[in-house]
Amino acid sequence: MSGFVWWNTGTRWQMVYAYHEQFLHSQGDFFRGNTWSKFMNDWFCWPLPTVCTYYYYNRMWGHPDGTATRSQSSDSIDECARLHFDVYSAYGQFNP
């Protein structure tokens, strides 16, 4: 994976894998970026099982008119505290 990945190693979260892809539509109608990853922590819910957090996809589409759309899917397994809340897709003017 290229790019910059940072997290607080003091929390004992470990990245198992992280990938990304990008796609430019042949007609220039949109650009799409996507990432997916998995993190684990054997201390967060100790002495319970290891917590695994999956980011199945995290997509963003950029359009020539300056708007952007995003969509994501993630989940945690064996968490002792709620780590994920409802996330809704969004559309509108993108202001980084």
C-alpha atoms as a PDB file:
ATOM      1  CA  MET A   1       0.000   0.000   0.000  1.00  0.00           C
ATOM      2  CA  SER A   2       1.243   3.424  -0.828  1.00  0.00           C
ATOM      3  CA  GLY A   3       0.174   6.558   0.918  1.00  0.00           C
ATOM      4  CA  PHE A   4       0.165   7.520   4.560  1.00  0.00           C
ATOM      5  CA  VAL A   5      -1.200   5.275   7.304  1.00  0.00           C
ATOM      6  CA  TRP A   6      -1.100   6.366  10.933  1.00  0.00           C
ATOM      7  CA  TRP A   7      -2.763   5.187  14.091  1.00  0.00           C
ATOM      8  CA  ASN A   8      -1.976   5.344  17.772  1.00  0.00           C
ATOM      9  CA  THR A   9       0.217   2.306  18.435  1.00  0.00           C
ATOM     10  CA  GLY A  10      -0.189   2.887  22.182  1.00  0.00           C
ATOM     11  CA  THR A  11      -3.767   1.607  21.877  1.00  0.00           C
ATOM     12  CA  ARG A  12      -2.477  -1.792  20.617  1.00  0.00           C
ATOM     13  CA  TRP A  13      -4.564  -1.697  17.451  1.00  0.00           C
ATOM     14  CA  GLN A  14      -2.695  -3.534  14.703  1.00  0.00           C
ATOM     15  CA  MET A  15      -3.304  -3.195  11.004  1.00  0.00           C
ATOM     16  CA  VAL A  16      -3.649  -6.650   9.444  1.00  0.00           C
ATOM     17  CA  TYR A  17      -4.013  -5.359   5.891  1.00  0.00           C
ATOM     18  CA  ALA A  18      -4.915  -2.201   4.006  1.00  0.00           C
ATOM     19  CA  TYR A  19      -5.492  -1.818   0.284  1.00  0.00           C
ATOM     20  CA  HIS A  20      -6.640   0.882  -2.074  1.00  0.00           C
ATOM     21  CA  GLU A  21      -7.649   1.253  -5.683  1.00  0.00           C
ATOM     22  CA  GLN A  22      -8.558   4.087  -7.996  1.00  0.00           C
ATOM     23  CA  PHE A  23     -10.510   4.266 -11.205  1.00  0.00           C
ATOM     24  CA  LEU A  24     -11.037   7.039 -13.749  1.00  0.00           C
ATOM     25  CA  HIS A  25     -14.094   6.511 -15.946  1.00  0.00           C
ATOM     26  CA  SER A  26     -13.129   6.351 -19.628  1.00  0.00           C
ATOM     27  CA  GLN A  27     -15.406   9.293 -20.504  1.00  0.00           C
ATOM     28  CA  GLY A  28     -14.174  11.343 -17.550  1.00  0.00           C
ATOM     29  CA  ASP A  29     -17.613  11.195 -15.907  1.00  0.00           C
ATOM     30  CA  PHE A  30     -16.174  10.400 -12.481  1.00  0.00           C
ATOM     31  CA  PHE A  31     -13.138   9.348 -10.501  1.00  0.00           C
ATOM     32  CA  ARG A  32     -13.580   6.683  -7.810  1.00  0.00           C
ATOM     33  CA  GLY A  33     -11.253   5.864  -4.952  1.00  0.00           C
ATOM     34  CA  ASN A  34     -11.748   2.867  -2.666  1.00  0.00           C
ATOM     35  CA  THR A  35      -9.973   1.487   0.393  1.00  0.00           C
ATOM     36  CA  TRP A  36     -10.486  -1.642   2.493  1.00  0.00           C
ATOM     37  CA  SER A  37      -8.667  -2.818   5.615  1.00  0.00           C
ATOM     38  CA  LYS A  38      -8.700  -4.944   8.761  1.00  0.00           C
ATOM     39  CA  PHE A  39      -7.495  -4.031  12.251  1.00  0.00           C
ATOM     40  CA  MET A  40      -7.188  -6.221  15.365  1.00  0.00           C
ATOM     41  CA  ASN A  41      -6.776  -5.510  19.066  1.00  0.00           C
ATOM     42  CA  ASP A  42      -6.173  -8.179  21.718  1.00  0.00           C
ATOM     43  CA  TRP A  43      -6.237  -5.676  24.583  1.00  0.00           C
ATOM     44  CA  PHE A  44      -9.289  -3.478  23.918  1.00  0.00           C
ATOM     45  CA  CYS A  45     -11.786  -5.942  25.447  1.00  0.00           C
ATOM     46  CA  TRP A  46      -9.345  -8.010  27.499  1.00  0.00           C
ATOM     47  CA  PRO A  47      -9.818 -10.741  28.692  1.00  0.00           C
ATOM     48  CA  LEU A  48     -12.501 -11.286  26.067  1.00  0.00           C
ATOM     49  CA  PRO A  49     -11.647 -12.392  22.506  1.00  0.00           C
ATOM     50  CA  THR A  50      -9.587 -10.292  20.140  1.00  0.00           C
ATOM     51  CA  VAL A  51     -11.572  -7.480  18.512  1.00  0.00           C
ATOM     52  CA  CYS A  52     -11.458  -7.360  14.706  1.00  0.00           C
ATOM     53  CA  THR A  53     -12.592  -4.285  12.807  1.00  0.00           C
ATOM     54  CA  TYR A  54     -13.228  -4.608   9.100  1.00  0.00           C
ATOM     55  CA  TYR A  55     -13.555  -1.698   6.713  1.00  0.00           C
ATOM     56  CA  TYR A  56     -15.145  -3.599   3.837  1.00  0.00           C
ATOM     57  CA  TYR A  57     -15.134  -0.572   1.563  1.00  0.00           C
ATOM     58  CA  ASN A  58     -14.757   3.148   1.817  1.00  0.00           C
ATOM     59  CA  ARG A  59     -15.573   4.660  -1.579  1.00  0.00           C
ATOM     60  CA  MET A  60     -15.656   8.182  -2.872  1.00  0.00           C
ATOM     61  CA  TRP A  61     -16.671   9.355  -6.323  1.00  0.00           C
ATOM     62  CA  GLY A  62     -15.539  12.753  -7.593  1.00  0.00           C
ATOM     63  CA  HIS A  63     -17.478  14.394 -10.423  1.00  0.00           C
ATOM     64  CA  PRO A  64     -16.370  17.097 -12.904  1.00  0.00           C
ATOM     65  CA  ASP A  65     -18.945  19.550 -11.507  1.00  0.00           C
ATOM     66  CA  GLY A  66     -17.139  19.553  -8.135  1.00  0.00           C
ATOM     67  CA  THR A  67     -19.597  17.294  -6.324  1.00  0.00           C
ATOM     68  CA  ALA A  68     -18.629  14.113  -4.540  1.00  0.00           C
ATOM     69  CA  THR A  69     -20.455  11.025  -3.331  1.00  0.00           C
ATOM     70  CA  ARG A  70     -19.279   8.681  -0.606  1.00  0.00           C
ATOM     71  CA  SER A  71     -20.284   5.282   0.683  1.00  0.00           C
ATOM     72  CA  GLN A  72     -18.747   2.999   3.283  1.00  0.00           C
ATOM     73  CA  SER A  73     -19.283  -0.300   5.053  1.00  0.00           C
ATOM     74  CA  SER A  74     -17.552  -1.406   8.243  1.00  0.00           C
ATOM     75  CA  ASP A  75     -18.108  -3.707  11.199  1.00  0.00           C
ATOM     76  CA  SER A  76     -16.399  -4.941  14.346  1.00  0.00           C
ATOM     77  CA  ILE A  77     -16.454  -8.512  15.617  1.00  0.00           C
ATOM     78  CA  ASP A  78     -16.306  -9.406  19.346  1.00  0.00           C
ATOM     79  CA  GLU A  79     -16.270  -5.797  20.518  1.00  0.00           C
ATOM     80  CA  CYS A  80     -17.207  -5.149  24.148  1.00  0.00           C
ATOM     81  CA  ALA A  81     -18.209  -1.541  23.413  1.00  0.00           C
ATOM     82  CA  ARG A  82     -20.071  -0.199  20.406  1.00  0.00           C
ATOM     83  CA  LEU A  83     -17.406   0.890  17.930  1.00  0.00           C
ATOM     84  CA  HIS A  84     -19.574   1.589  14.892  1.00  0.00           C
ATOM     85  CA  PHE A  85     -22.547   3.843  14.458  1.00  0.00           C
ATOM     86  CA  ASP A  86     -24.867   4.301  11.514  1.00  0.00           C
ATOM     87  CA  VAL A  87     -23.076   5.890   8.579  1.00  0.00           C
ATOM     88  CA  TYR A  88     -25.016   7.365   5.728  1.00  0.00           C
ATOM     89  CA  SER A  89     -23.921   8.032   2.191  1.00  0.00           C
ATOM     90  CA  ALA A  90     -23.562  11.649   1.231  1.00  0.00           C
ATOM     91  CA  TYR A  91     -23.705  13.758  -1.902  1.00  0.00           C
ATOM     92  CA  GLY A  92     -22.896  17.372  -2.462  1.00  0.00           C
ATOM     93  CA  GLN A  93     -20.199  19.952  -2.981  1.00  0.00           C
ATOM     94  CA  PHE A  94     -16.880  18.602  -1.736  1.00  0.00           C
ATOM     95  CA  ASN A  95     -14.845  20.981   0.429  1.00  0.00           C
ATOM     96  CA  PRO A  96     -11.651  19.276   1.657  1.00  0.00           C
END
